[in-house]
Amino acid sequence: MSEYRDIQSAVRVEKFRIWFAWLTGNVIMLLIARATQNVHIVSVITQVLLVVLFLLLTFTAIRMTNALNRKAAAKRRTVLGDDV
């Protein structure tokens, strides 16, 4: 049962790291958008790039979390003996 707890805590830490990196990246993007808002053409280009980057970061974070959930579920089945 100790292995199960170790797996759960490792998954929790990794999820926290993934979503903290996502949040940090978005805050940095907002700061860049705010800094370039008064330069008109640069502002438009920056905003378009930041929307694309936001979507890519979100998609990547969700995929990483889902992959982590699948790995954790497989390990959990192995530790608890529910392998089919």
PDB file of N, CA and C in Angstrom:
ATOM      1  N   MET A   1       0.817  -1.196   0.000  1.00  0.00           N
ATOM      2  CA  MET A   1       0.000   0.000   0.000  1.00  0.00           C
ATOM      3  C   MET A   1       0.862   1.262   0.000  1.00  0.00           C
ATOM      4  N   SER A   2       2.083   1.133   0.467  1.00  0.00           N
ATOM      5  CA  SER A   2       2.996   2.272   0.469  1.00  0.00           C
ATOM      6  C   SER A   2       3.323   2.709  -0.956  1.00  0.00           C
ATOM      7  N   GLU A   3       3.450   1.734  -1.862  1.00  0.00           N
ATOM      8  CA  GLU A   3       3.722   2.062  -3.262  1.00  0.00           C
ATOM      9  C   GLU A   3       2.579   2.864  -3.857  1.00  0.00           C
ATOM     10  N   TYR A   4       1.360   2.497  -3.510  1.00  0.00           N
ATOM     11  CA  TYR A   4       0.179   3.205  -4.016  1.00  0.00           C
ATOM     12  C   TYR A   4       0.202   4.667  -3.576  1.00  0.00           C
ATOM     13  N   ARG A   5       0.540   4.910  -2.337  1.00  0.00           N
ATOM     14  CA  ARG A   5       0.617   6.280  -1.815  1.00  0.00           C
ATOM     15  C   ARG A   5       1.728   7.051  -2.511  1.00  0.00           C
ATOM     16  N   ASP A   6       2.856   6.392  -2.755  1.00  0.00           N
ATOM     17  CA  ASP A   6       3.959   7.043  -3.461  1.00  0.00           C
ATOM     18  C   ASP A   6       3.558   7.446  -4.874  1.00  0.00           C
ATOM     19  N   ILE A   7       2.829   6.568  -5.527  1.00  0.00           N
ATOM     20  CA  ILE A   7       2.365   6.864  -6.883  1.00  0.00           C
ATOM     21  C   ILE A   7       1.417   8.051  -6.872  1.00  0.00           C
ATOM     22  N   GLN A   8       0.484   8.041  -5.953  1.00  0.00           N
ATOM     23  CA  GLN A   8      -0.484   9.129  -5.878  1.00  0.00           C
ATOM     24  C   GLN A   8       0.188  10.465  -5.596  1.00  0.00           C
ATOM     25  N   SER A   9       1.138  10.483  -4.678  1.00  0.00           N
ATOM     26  CA  SER A   9       1.806  11.749  -4.364  1.00  0.00           C
ATOM     27  C   SER A   9       2.677  12.215  -5.523  1.00  0.00           C
ATOM     28  N   ALA A  10       3.319  11.288  -6.231  1.00  0.00           N
ATOM     29  CA  ALA A  10       4.128  11.669  -7.392  1.00  0.00           C
ATOM     30  C   ALA A  10       3.242  12.253  -8.496  1.00  0.00           C
ATOM     31  N   VAL A  11       2.090  11.654  -8.716  1.00  0.00           N
ATOM     32  CA  VAL A  11       1.158  12.168  -9.723  1.00  0.00           C
ATOM     33  C   VAL A  11       0.659  13.553  -9.336  1.00  0.00           C
ATOM     34  N   ARG A  12       0.338  13.725  -8.079  1.00  0.00           N
ATOM     35  CA  ARG A  12      -0.146  15.022  -7.608  1.00  0.00           C
ATOM     36  C   ARG A  12       0.907  16.102  -7.808  1.00  0.00           C
ATOM     37  N   VAL A  13       2.162  15.800  -7.496  1.00  0.00           N
ATOM     38  CA  VAL A  13       3.248  16.762  -7.654  1.00  0.00           C
ATOM     39  C   VAL A  13       3.454  17.096  -9.130  1.00  0.00           C
ATOM     40  N   GLU A  14       3.430  16.093  -9.986  1.00  0.00           N
ATOM     41  CA  GLU A  14       3.631  16.335 -11.414  1.00  0.00           C
ATOM     42  C   GLU A  14       2.490  17.160 -12.007  1.00  0.00           C
ATOM     43  N   LYS A  15       1.262  16.894 -11.589  1.00  0.00           N
ATOM     44  CA  LYS A  15       0.136  17.701 -12.063  1.00  0.00           C
ATOM     45  C   LYS A  15       0.281  19.146 -11.615  1.00  0.00           C
ATOM     46  N   PHE A  16       0.710  19.337 -10.380  1.00  0.00           N
ATOM     47  CA  PHE A  16       0.928  20.692  -9.885  1.00  0.00           C
ATOM     48  C   PHE A  16       1.984  21.387 -10.730  1.00  0.00           C
ATOM     49  N   ARG A  17       3.070  20.707 -11.041  1.00  0.00           N
ATOM     50  CA  ARG A  17       4.138  21.305 -11.851  1.00  0.00           C
ATOM     51  C   ARG A  17       3.645  21.663 -13.244  1.00  0.00           C
ATOM     52  N   ILE A  18       2.865  20.781 -13.839  1.00  0.00           N
ATOM     53  CA  ILE A  18       2.344  21.040 -15.186  1.00  0.00           C
ATOM     54  C   ILE A  18       1.477  22.291 -15.184  1.00  0.00           C
ATOM     55  N   TRP A  19       0.530  22.347 -14.263  1.00  0.00           N
ATOM     56  CA  TRP A  19      -0.402  23.474 -14.269  1.00  0.00           C
ATOM     57  C   TRP A  19       0.229  24.754 -13.743  1.00  0.00           C
ATOM     58  N   PHE A  20       1.244  24.657 -12.891  1.00  0.00           N
ATOM     59  CA  PHE A  20       1.975  25.850 -12.464  1.00  0.00           C
ATOM     60  C   PHE A  20       2.763  26.425 -13.644  1.00  0.00           C
ATOM     61  N   ALA A  21       3.377  25.562 -14.436  1.00  0.00           N
ATOM     62  CA  ALA A  21       4.096  26.021 -15.630  1.00  0.00           C
ATOM     63  C   ALA A  21       3.126  26.657 -16.623  1.00  0.00           C
ATOM     64  N   TRP A  22       1.944  26.081 -16.767  1.00  0.00           N
ATOM     65  CA  TRP A  22       0.922  26.652 -17.643  1.00  0.00           C
ATOM     66  C   TRP A  22       0.530  28.047 -17.177  1.00  0.00           C
ATOM     67  N   LEU A  23       0.279  28.188 -15.886  1.00  0.00           N
ATOM     68  CA  LEU A  23      -0.108  29.486 -15.334  1.00  0.00           C
ATOM     69  C   LEU A  23       1.013  30.507 -15.491  1.00  0.00           C
ATOM     70  N   THR A  24       2.235  30.103 -15.207  1.00  0.00           N
ATOM     71  CA  THR A  24       3.368  30.997 -15.330  1.00  0.00           C
ATOM     72  C   THR A  24       3.552  31.453 -16.776  1.00  0.00           C
ATOM     73  N   GLY A  25       3.442  30.532 -17.711  1.00  0.00           N
ATOM     74  CA  GLY A  25       3.555  30.892 -19.124  1.00  0.00           C
ATOM     75  C   GLY A  25       2.488  31.877 -19.546  1.00  0.00           C
ATOM     76  N   ASN A  26       1.274  31.691 -19.075  1.00  0.00           N
ATOM     77  CA  ASN A  26       0.194  32.614 -19.430  1.00  0.00           C
ATOM     78  C   ASN A  26       0.389  33.983 -18.801  1.00  0.00           C
ATOM     79  N   VAL A  27       0.902  34.029 -17.586  1.00  0.00           N
ATOM     80  CA  VAL A  27       1.171  35.329 -16.948  1.00  0.00           C
ATOM     81  C   VAL A  27       2.258  36.071 -17.723  1.00  0.00           C
ATOM     82  N   ILE A  28       3.295  35.366 -18.128  1.00  0.00           N
ATOM     83  CA  ILE A  28       4.361  35.989 -18.916  1.00  0.00           C
ATOM     84  C   ILE A  28       3.811  36.505 -20.241  1.00  0.00           C
ATOM     85  N   MET A  29       2.938  35.724 -20.875  1.00  0.00           N
ATOM     86  CA  MET A  29       2.337  36.174 -22.136  1.00  0.00           C
ATOM     87  C   MET A  29       1.487  37.427 -21.920  1.00  0.00           C
ATOM     88  N   LEU A  30       0.745  37.480 -20.828  1.00  0.00           N
ATOM     89  CA  LEU A  30      -0.055  38.672 -20.541  1.00  0.00           C
ATOM     90  C   LEU A  30       0.822  39.894 -20.303  1.00  0.00           C
ATOM     91  N   LEU A  31       1.941  39.707 -19.627  1.00  0.00           N
ATOM     92  CA  LEU A  31       2.860  40.817 -19.404  1.00  0.00           C
ATOM     93  C   LEU A  31       3.449  41.322 -20.722  1.00  0.00           C
ATOM     94  N   ILE A  32       3.778  40.411 -21.617  1.00  0.00           N
ATOM     95  CA  ILE A  32       4.298  40.810 -22.926  1.00  0.00           C
ATOM     96  C   ILE A  32       3.229  41.559 -23.718  1.00  0.00           C
ATOM     97  N   ALA A  33       1.994  41.065 -23.683  1.00  0.00           N
ATOM     98  CA  ALA A  33       0.900  41.735 -24.389  1.00  0.00           C
ATOM     99  C   ALA A  33       0.668  43.132 -23.818  1.00  0.00           C
ATOM    100  N   ARG A  34       0.746  43.244 -22.524  1.00  0.00           N
ATOM    101  CA  ARG A  34       0.553  44.543 -21.872  1.00  0.00           C
ATOM    102  C   ARG A  34       1.672  45.517 -22.239  1.00  0.00           C
ATOM    103  N   ALA A  35       2.894  45.010 -22.338  1.00  0.00           N
ATOM    104  CA  ALA A  35       4.037  45.870 -22.656  1.00  0.00           C
ATOM    105  C   ALA A  35       3.997  46.361 -24.098  1.00  0.00           C
ATOM    106  N   THR A  36       3.394  45.600 -25.004  1.00  0.00           N
ATOM    107  CA  THR A  36       3.385  45.989 -26.417  1.00  0.00           C
ATOM    108  C   THR A  36       2.052  46.576 -26.868  1.00  0.00           C
ATOM    109  N   GLN A  37       1.148  46.848 -25.960  1.00  0.00           N
ATOM    110  CA  GLN A  37      -0.179  47.282 -26.377  1.00  0.00           C
ATOM    111  C   GLN A  37      -0.198  48.660 -27.025  1.00  0.00           C
ATOM    112  N   ASN A  38       0.784  49.509 -26.767  1.00  0.00           N
ATOM    113  CA  ASN A  38       0.780  50.862 -27.350  1.00  0.00           C
ATOM    114  C   ASN A  38       1.478  50.944 -28.699  1.00  0.00           C
ATOM    115  N   VAL A  39       2.168  49.892 -29.123  1.00  0.00           N
ATOM    116  CA  VAL A  39       2.786  49.838 -30.442  1.00  0.00           C
ATOM    117  C   VAL A  39       1.829  49.044 -31.320  1.00  0.00           C
ATOM    118  N   HIS A  40       1.118  49.741 -32.198  1.00  0.00           N
ATOM    119  CA  HIS A  40      -0.067  49.175 -32.834  1.00  0.00           C
ATOM    120  C   HIS A  40       0.182  47.901 -33.636  1.00  0.00           C
ATOM    121  N   ILE A  41       1.073  47.905 -34.600  1.00  0.00           N
ATOM    122  CA  ILE A  41       1.238  46.707 -35.426  1.00  0.00           C
ATOM    123  C   ILE A  41       1.867  45.572 -34.620  1.00  0.00           C
ATOM    124  N   VAL A  42       2.800  45.913 -33.739  1.00  0.00           N
ATOM    125  CA  VAL A  42       3.414  44.892 -32.891  1.00  0.00           C
ATOM    126  C   VAL A  42       2.374  44.317 -31.935  1.00  0.00           C
ATOM    127  N   SER A  43       1.475  45.148 -31.466  1.00  0.00           N
ATOM    128  CA  SER A  43       0.430  44.702 -30.550  1.00  0.00           C
ATOM    129  C   SER A  43      -0.482  43.673 -31.210  1.00  0.00           C
ATOM    130  N   VAL A  44      -0.867  43.920 -32.440  1.00  0.00           N
ATOM    131  CA  VAL A  44      -1.759  42.994 -33.147  1.00  0.00           C
ATOM    132  C   VAL A  44      -1.049  41.658 -33.382  1.00  0.00           C
ATOM    133  N   ILE A  45       0.187  41.718 -33.855  1.00  0.00           N
ATOM    134  CA  ILE A  45       0.951  40.493 -34.098  1.00  0.00           C
ATOM    135  C   ILE A  45       1.157  39.737 -32.791  1.00  0.00           C
ATOM    136  N   THR A  46       1.500  40.453 -31.743  1.00  0.00           N
ATOM    137  CA  THR A  46       1.725  39.837 -30.430  1.00  0.00           C
ATOM    138  C   THR A  46       0.463  39.164 -29.916  1.00  0.00           C
ATOM    139  N   GLN A  47      -0.670  39.836 -30.051  1.00  0.00           N
ATOM    140  CA  GLN A  47      -1.919  39.261 -29.565  1.00  0.00           C
ATOM    141  C   GLN A  47      -2.286  37.984 -30.313  1.00  0.00           C
ATOM    142  N   VAL A  48      -2.092  37.972 -31.621  1.00  0.00           N
ATOM    143  CA  VAL A  48      -2.391  36.778 -32.402  1.00  0.00           C
ATOM    144  C   VAL A  48      -1.471  35.639 -31.977  1.00  0.00           C
ATOM    145  N   LEU A  49      -0.182  35.928 -31.840  1.00  0.00           N
ATOM    146  CA  LEU A  49       0.760  34.897 -31.416  1.00  0.00           C
ATOM    147  C   LEU A  49       0.448  34.385 -30.015  1.00  0.00           C
ATOM    148  N   LEU A  50       0.043  35.275 -29.135  1.00  0.00           N
ATOM    149  CA  LEU A  50      -0.247  34.869 -27.764  1.00  0.00           C
ATOM    150  C   LEU A  50      -1.501  34.014 -27.675  1.00  0.00           C
ATOM    151  N   VAL A  51      -2.484  34.283 -28.506  1.00  0.00           N
ATOM    152  CA  VAL A  51      -3.682  33.441 -28.527  1.00  0.00           C
ATOM    153  C   VAL A  51      -3.312  32.042 -29.004  1.00  0.00           C
ATOM    154  N   VAL A  52      -2.494  31.968 -30.049  1.00  0.00           N
ATOM    155  CA  VAL A  52      -2.049  30.664 -30.554  1.00  0.00           C
ATOM    156  C   VAL A  52      -1.238  29.940 -29.484  1.00  0.00           C
ATOM    157  N   LEU A  53      -0.311  30.648 -28.828  1.00  0.00           N
ATOM    158  CA  LEU A  53       0.488  30.033 -27.780  1.00  0.00           C
ATOM    159  C   LEU A  53      -0.362  29.587 -26.598  1.00  0.00           C
ATOM    160  N   PHE A  54      -1.362  30.372 -26.242  1.00  0.00           N
ATOM    161  CA  PHE A  54      -2.265  29.986 -25.153  1.00  0.00           C
ATOM    162  C   PHE A  54      -2.965  28.668 -25.486  1.00  0.00           C
ATOM    163  N   LEU A  55      -3.466  28.568 -26.707  1.00  0.00           N
ATOM    164  CA  LEU A  55      -4.150  27.336 -27.115  1.00  0.00           C
ATOM    165  C   LEU A  55      -3.195  26.144 -27.116  1.00  0.00           C
ATOM    166  N   LEU A  56      -1.979  26.355 -27.607  1.00  0.00           N
ATOM    167  CA  LEU A  56      -0.997  25.264 -27.622  1.00  0.00           C
ATOM    168  C   LEU A  56      -0.595  24.852 -26.211  1.00  0.00           C
ATOM    169  N   LEU A  57      -0.378  25.830 -25.329  1.00  0.00           N
ATOM    170  CA  LEU A  57      -0.021  25.512 -23.945  1.00  0.00           C
ATOM    171  C   LEU A  57      -1.142  24.750 -23.250  1.00  0.00           C
ATOM    172  N   THR A  58      -2.366  25.178 -23.462  1.00  0.00           N
ATOM    173  CA  THR A  58      -3.506  24.515 -22.842  1.00  0.00           C
ATOM    174  C   THR A  58      -3.653  23.088 -23.367  1.00  0.00           C
ATOM    175  N   PHE A  59      -3.555  22.923 -24.663  1.00  0.00           N
ATOM    176  CA  PHE A  59      -3.656  21.607 -25.275  1.00  0.00           C
ATOM    177  C   PHE A  59      -2.560  20.683 -24.745  1.00  0.00           C
ATOM    178  N   THR A  60      -1.344  21.194 -24.668  1.00  0.00           N
ATOM    179  CA  THR A  60      -0.223  20.395 -24.182  1.00  0.00           C
ATOM    180  C   THR A  60      -0.390  20.022 -22.716  1.00  0.00           C
ATOM    181  N   ALA A  61      -0.821  20.972 -21.897  1.00  0.00           N
ATOM    182  CA  ALA A  61      -1.009  20.692 -20.466  1.00  0.00           C
ATOM    183  C   ALA A  61      -2.087  19.625 -20.257  1.00  0.00           C
ATOM    184  N   ILE A  62      -3.155  19.713 -21.014  1.00  0.00           N
ATOM    185  CA  ILE A  62      -4.232  18.721 -20.885  1.00  0.00           C
ATOM    186  C   ILE A  62      -3.744  17.346 -21.338  1.00  0.00           C
ATOM    187  N   ARG A  63      -3.008  17.289 -22.444  1.00  0.00           N
ATOM    188  CA  ARG A  63      -2.480  16.000 -22.916  1.00  0.00           C
ATOM    189  C   ARG A  63      -1.501  15.396 -21.913  1.00  0.00           C
ATOM    190  N   MET A  64      -0.649  16.238 -21.331  1.00  0.00           N
ATOM    191  CA  MET A  64       0.308  15.738 -20.344  1.00  0.00           C
ATOM    192  C   MET A  64      -0.410  15.211 -19.107  1.00  0.00           C
ATOM    193  N   THR A  65      -1.443  15.922 -18.670  1.00  0.00           N
ATOM    194  CA  THR A  65      -2.213  15.488 -17.509  1.00  0.00           C
ATOM    195  C   THR A  65      -2.929  14.171 -17.802  1.00  0.00           C
ATOM    196  N   ASN A  66      -3.509  14.057 -18.989  1.00  0.00           N
ATOM    197  CA  ASN A  66      -4.197  12.813 -19.355  1.00  0.00           C
ATOM    198  C   ASN A  66      -3.222  11.639 -19.436  1.00  0.00           C
ATOM    199  N   ALA A  67      -2.045  11.868 -19.999  1.00  0.00           N
ATOM    200  CA  ALA A  67      -1.041  10.808 -20.073  1.00  0.00           C
ATOM    201  C   ALA A  67      -0.592  10.390 -18.676  1.00  0.00           C
ATOM    202  N   LEU A  68      -0.436  11.361 -17.815  1.00  0.00           N
ATOM    203  CA  LEU A  68      -0.057  11.076 -16.434  1.00  0.00           C
ATOM    204  C   LEU A  68      -1.149  10.279 -15.724  1.00  0.00           C
ATOM    205  N   ASN A  69      -2.399  10.616 -15.974  1.00  0.00           N
ATOM    206  CA  ASN A  69      -3.512   9.860 -15.392  1.00  0.00           C
ATOM    207  C   ASN A  69      -3.522   8.413 -15.875  1.00  0.00           C
ATOM    208  N   ARG A  70      -3.253   8.214 -17.173  1.00  0.00           N
ATOM    209  CA  ARG A  70      -3.220   6.849 -17.706  1.00  0.00           C
ATOM    210  C   ARG A  70      -2.086   6.043 -17.075  1.00  0.00           C
ATOM    211  N   LYS A  71      -0.911   6.653 -16.962  1.00  0.00           N
ATOM    212  CA  LYS A  71       0.218   5.951 -16.348  1.00  0.00           C
ATOM    213  C   LYS A  71      -0.068   5.632 -14.888  1.00  0.00           C
ATOM    214  N   ALA A  72      -0.672   6.580 -14.178  1.00  0.00           N
ATOM    215  CA  ALA A  72      -0.997   6.361 -12.772  1.00  0.00           C
ATOM    216  C   ALA A  72      -2.032   5.248 -12.617  1.00  0.00           C
ATOM    217  N   ALA A  73      -3.009   5.216 -13.512  1.00  0.00           N
ATOM    218  CA  ALA A  73      -4.027   4.176 -13.441  1.00  0.00           C
ATOM    219  C   ALA A  73      -3.414   2.801 -13.696  1.00  0.00           C
ATOM    220  N   ALA A  74      -2.490   2.722 -14.641  1.00  0.00           N
ATOM    221  CA  ALA A  74      -1.827   1.444 -14.919  1.00  0.00           C
ATOM    222  C   ALA A  74      -0.997   0.991 -13.719  1.00  0.00           C
ATOM    223  N   LYS A  75      -0.250   1.911 -13.133  1.00  0.00           N
ATOM    224  CA  LYS A  75       0.556   1.572 -11.952  1.00  0.00           C
ATOM    225  C   LYS A  75      -0.341   1.179 -10.780  1.00  0.00           C
ATOM    226  N   ARG A  76      -1.447   1.900 -10.626  1.00  0.00           N
ATOM    227  CA  ARG A  76      -2.377   1.610  -9.538  1.00  0.00           C
ATOM    228  C   ARG A  76      -2.947   0.199  -9.682  1.00  0.00           C
ATOM    229  N   ARG A  77      -3.322  -0.159 -10.923  1.00  0.00           N
ATOM    230  CA  ARG A  77      -3.833  -1.520 -11.161  1.00  0.00           C
ATOM    231  C   ARG A  77      -2.771  -2.559 -10.856  1.00  0.00           C
ATOM    232  N   THR A  78      -1.527  -2.254 -11.201  1.00  0.00           N
ATOM    233  CA  THR A  78      -0.437  -3.199 -10.938  1.00  0.00           C
ATOM    234  C   THR A  78      -0.227  -3.358  -9.434  1.00  0.00           C
ATOM    235  N   VAL A  79      -0.199  -2.247  -8.708  1.00  0.00           N
ATOM    236  CA  VAL A  79       0.064  -2.300  -7.259  1.00  0.00           C
ATOM    237  C   VAL A  79      -1.090  -2.987  -6.527  1.00  0.00           C
ATOM    238  N   LEU A  80      -2.322  -2.689  -6.937  1.00  0.00           N
ATOM    239  CA  LEU A  80      -3.468  -3.256  -6.232  1.00  0.00           C
ATOM    240  C   LEU A  80      -3.845  -4.648  -6.721  1.00  0.00           C
ATOM    241  N   GLY A  81      -3.179  -5.106  -7.779  1.00  0.00           N
ATOM    242  CA  GLY A  81      -3.426  -6.453  -8.269  1.00  0.00           C
ATOM    243  C   GLY A  81      -4.674  -6.573  -9.127  1.00  0.00           C
ATOM    244  N   ASP A  82      -5.114  -5.487  -9.715  1.00  0.00           N
ATOM    245  CA  ASP A  82      -6.303  -5.516 -10.563  1.00  0.00           C
ATOM    246  C   ASP A  82      -5.974  -5.701 -12.025  1.00  0.00           C
ATOM    247  N   ASP A  83      -4.763  -6.150 -12.342  1.00  0.00           N
ATOM    248  CA  ASP A  83      -4.374  -6.338 -13.724  1.00  0.00           C
ATOM    249  C   ASP A  83      -5.261  -7.369 -14.393  1.00  0.00           C
ATOM    250  N   VAL A  84      -5.712  -7.027 -15.571  1.00  0.00           N
ATOM    251  CA  VAL A  84      -6.577  -7.945 -16.314  1.00  0.00           C
ATOM    252  C   VAL A  84      -5.833  -8.480 -17.487  1.00  0.00           C
TER     253      VAL A  84
END
